[in-house]
N, C-alpha and C. Protein backbone atom coordinates (compact mmCIF):
# COMPACT_ATOMS: atom_id res chain seq x y z
N MET A 1 -72.11 7.20 -9.72
CA MET A 1 -71.13 8.43 -10.02
C MET A 1 -69.60 8.10 -9.66
N GLU A 2 -68.78 8.10 -10.29
CA GLU A 2 -67.52 7.76 -10.16
C GLU A 2 -66.74 8.85 -9.14
N PRO A 3 -65.66 8.40 -8.46
CA PRO A 3 -65.57 9.19 -7.44
C PRO A 3 -63.78 10.52 -8.50
N ALA A 4 -63.97 11.61 -8.02
CA ALA A 4 -62.99 12.70 -8.51
C ALA A 4 -61.88 12.24 -8.60
N GLU A 5 -60.91 12.38 -9.69
CA GLU A 5 -59.91 11.91 -9.50
C GLU A 5 -59.29 13.25 -8.63
N PRO A 6 -57.94 12.95 -8.10
CA PRO A 6 -56.99 13.66 -6.97
C PRO A 6 -56.65 14.75 -7.90
N LEU A 7 -56.87 16.16 -6.96
CA LEU A 7 -56.07 17.32 -7.81
C LEU A 7 -54.57 17.38 -7.48
N TYR A 8 -53.61 17.83 -8.70
CA TYR A 8 -52.44 17.62 -8.49
C TYR A 8 -52.36 18.93 -8.77
N GLY A 9 -51.38 19.69 -8.13
CA GLY A 9 -50.70 21.12 -8.59
C GLY A 9 -49.18 21.36 -8.03
N GLU A 10 -48.98 22.36 -8.48
CA GLU A 10 -47.70 23.23 -8.03
C GLU A 10 -47.95 24.21 -6.93
N TYR A 11 -47.34 24.41 -6.15
CA TYR A 11 -47.40 25.46 -5.11
C TYR A 11 -46.37 26.48 -4.89
N PRO A 12 -46.44 27.61 -4.83
CA PRO A 12 -45.39 28.64 -4.94
C PRO A 12 -44.65 27.98 -3.60
N ASN A 13 -43.22 28.29 -3.57
CA ASN A 13 -42.43 28.12 -2.28
C ASN A 13 -42.34 29.13 -1.54
N HIS A 14 -42.41 30.49 -2.08
CA HIS A 14 -42.12 31.55 -1.48
C HIS A 14 -42.96 32.04 -0.35
N PRO A 15 -43.15 32.42 0.93
CA PRO A 15 -44.13 32.67 1.58
C PRO A 15 -45.27 33.57 1.28
N ARG A 16 -46.43 33.12 1.75
CA ARG A 16 -47.56 34.40 1.25
C ARG A 16 -47.42 35.69 2.10
N LEU A 17 -47.97 36.68 1.75
CA LEU A 17 -48.18 37.50 2.80
C LEU A 17 -49.57 37.62 3.33
N PRO A 18 -49.53 37.94 4.79
CA PRO A 18 -50.85 38.02 5.57
C PRO A 18 -51.68 39.05 5.05
N LEU A 19 -53.05 38.48 5.17
CA LEU A 19 -54.31 39.60 5.04
C LEU A 19 -54.30 40.81 5.77
N LEU A 20 -54.87 41.60 4.88
CA LEU A 20 -54.66 43.05 6.35
C LEU A 20 -55.61 42.80 7.47
N THR A 21 -55.17 43.24 8.32
CA THR A 21 -56.42 42.98 9.76
C THR A 21 -57.33 44.59 9.25
N ALA A 22 -58.48 44.40 10.01
CA ALA A 22 -59.41 45.23 9.58
C ALA A 22 -58.76 46.88 9.86
N ALA A 23 -58.19 47.15 11.11
CA ALA A 23 -57.65 48.49 11.29
C ALA A 23 -56.40 48.59 10.27
N GLU A 24 -55.46 47.71 9.44
CA GLU A 24 -54.82 48.40 8.43
C GLU A 24 -55.77 48.70 7.21
N ALA A 25 -56.98 47.87 6.79
CA ALA A 25 -57.86 48.30 6.04
C ALA A 25 -58.31 49.55 6.23
N ARG A 26 -58.94 49.99 7.47
CA ARG A 26 -59.33 51.35 7.34
C ARG A 26 -58.22 52.29 7.21
N ASP A 27 -57.21 51.97 7.78
CA ASP A 27 -55.92 53.11 7.67
C ASP A 27 -55.69 53.13 6.02
N ALA A 28 -55.63 52.04 5.45
CA ALA A 28 -55.73 52.21 3.67
C ALA A 28 -56.62 53.14 3.04
N VAL A 29 -57.88 52.85 3.89
CA VAL A 29 -58.96 53.34 3.10
C VAL A 29 -58.62 55.01 3.33
N GLY A 30 -58.35 55.71 4.49
CA GLY A 30 -57.92 56.51 4.92
C GLY A 30 -56.98 57.43 4.03
N TYR A 31 -55.79 56.72 3.73
CA TYR A 31 -54.90 57.24 2.86
C TYR A 31 -55.34 57.42 1.42
N LEU A 32 -56.10 56.47 0.81
CA LEU A 32 -56.71 56.58 -0.54
C LEU A 32 -57.26 57.87 -0.58
N MET A 33 -58.24 57.84 0.46
CA MET A 33 -59.35 58.99 0.42
C MET A 33 -58.62 60.49 0.12
N LYS A 34 -57.35 60.48 1.13
CA LYS A 34 -56.41 61.66 1.27
C LYS A 34 -55.55 61.83 0.10
N LEU A 35 -55.51 60.69 -1.03
CA LEU A 35 -54.80 60.88 -2.11
C LEU A 35 -55.74 61.34 -3.27
N GLU A 36 -56.97 60.92 -3.10
CA GLU A 36 -57.73 61.49 -4.00
C GLU A 36 -57.93 62.75 -3.83
N GLN A 37 -58.11 63.41 -2.69
CA GLN A 37 -58.10 65.12 -2.48
C GLN A 37 -56.90 66.00 -2.68
N LEU A 38 -55.70 65.16 -2.86
CA LEU A 38 -54.69 65.63 -3.59
C LEU A 38 -54.09 65.60 -4.90
N ASP A 39 -54.78 64.46 -5.07
CA ASP A 39 -54.46 64.26 -6.87
C ASP A 39 -55.74 64.42 -7.59
N LEU A 40 -55.76 65.33 -8.52
CA LEU A 40 -57.09 65.58 -9.37
C LEU A 40 -56.96 65.19 -10.54
N THR A 41 -56.13 64.14 -10.44
CA THR A 41 -56.01 63.54 -11.90
C THR A 41 -57.03 62.21 -12.06
N PRO A 42 -57.05 61.49 -13.11
CA PRO A 42 -58.09 60.21 -13.09
C PRO A 42 -57.33 59.07 -12.27
N HIS A 43 -55.93 59.38 -11.92
CA HIS A 43 -55.71 58.24 -10.81
C HIS A 43 -55.99 58.69 -9.64
N GLY A 44 -56.14 59.76 -9.08
CA GLY A 44 -56.86 60.33 -7.73
C GLY A 44 -58.36 59.99 -7.87
N ARG A 45 -59.06 59.81 -8.90
CA ARG A 45 -60.44 59.36 -8.82
C ARG A 45 -60.47 58.19 -8.53
N ALA A 46 -59.74 57.15 -9.20
CA ALA A 46 -59.40 56.19 -8.97
C ALA A 46 -59.45 55.64 -7.73
N ALA A 47 -58.67 56.38 -7.08
CA ALA A 47 -58.01 56.42 -5.59
C ALA A 47 -58.94 56.36 -4.59
N GLY A 48 -60.16 57.28 -5.10
CA GLY A 48 -61.13 57.47 -4.20
C GLY A 48 -62.07 56.36 -4.38
N ASP A 49 -62.54 55.94 -5.66
CA ASP A 49 -63.64 55.16 -5.99
C ASP A 49 -62.82 53.60 -5.41
N LEU A 50 -61.85 53.25 -5.14
CA LEU A 50 -61.07 52.23 -4.61
C LEU A 50 -61.16 52.32 -2.69
N ALA A 51 -61.31 53.43 -2.49
CA ALA A 51 -61.22 53.83 -0.99
C ALA A 51 -62.45 53.22 -0.56
N ARG A 52 -63.91 54.04 -1.44
CA ARG A 52 -65.33 53.82 -1.23
C ARG A 52 -65.47 52.45 -1.21
N ASP A 53 -65.03 51.66 -2.40
CA ASP A 53 -65.55 50.28 -2.41
C ASP A 53 -64.39 49.28 -1.06
N GLN A 54 -63.57 49.72 -0.82
CA GLN A 54 -63.07 49.51 0.46
C GLN A 54 -63.83 49.00 1.62
N ALA A 55 -64.14 50.68 1.47
CA ALA A 55 -64.65 50.98 2.91
C ALA A 55 -66.22 50.30 3.38
N LEU A 56 -67.28 50.07 2.04
CA LEU A 56 -67.91 48.97 2.01
C LEU A 56 -67.71 47.78 2.76
N ARG A 57 -66.40 46.89 2.44
CA ARG A 57 -66.04 45.84 2.66
C ARG A 57 -65.52 45.45 3.98
N THR A 58 -65.06 46.52 4.71
CA THR A 58 -63.90 46.79 5.76
C THR A 58 -65.09 47.05 7.15
N PRO A 59 -64.96 46.03 8.12
CA PRO A 59 -65.97 46.17 9.46
C PRO A 59 -65.38 47.57 10.04
N SER A 60 -66.64 48.13 10.68
CA SER A 60 -66.40 49.59 11.44
C SER A 60 -65.43 49.28 12.29
N GLU A 61 -65.61 48.26 13.28
CA GLU A 61 -64.87 48.36 14.48
C GLU A 61 -64.88 46.63 14.83
């Protein structure tokens, strides 16, 4: 088996944003759930779907 070629690529120069903390993610879920209650359009339902999906992925504490 031959060794793989080295990977070369371009990386962005701008700084990356940090990941959300668990507390920030829980806050975002709460805000999305409130948006779902206030917005009765399909956008509000989408916010609720996103909130439920994110809640499953976020640690409770």
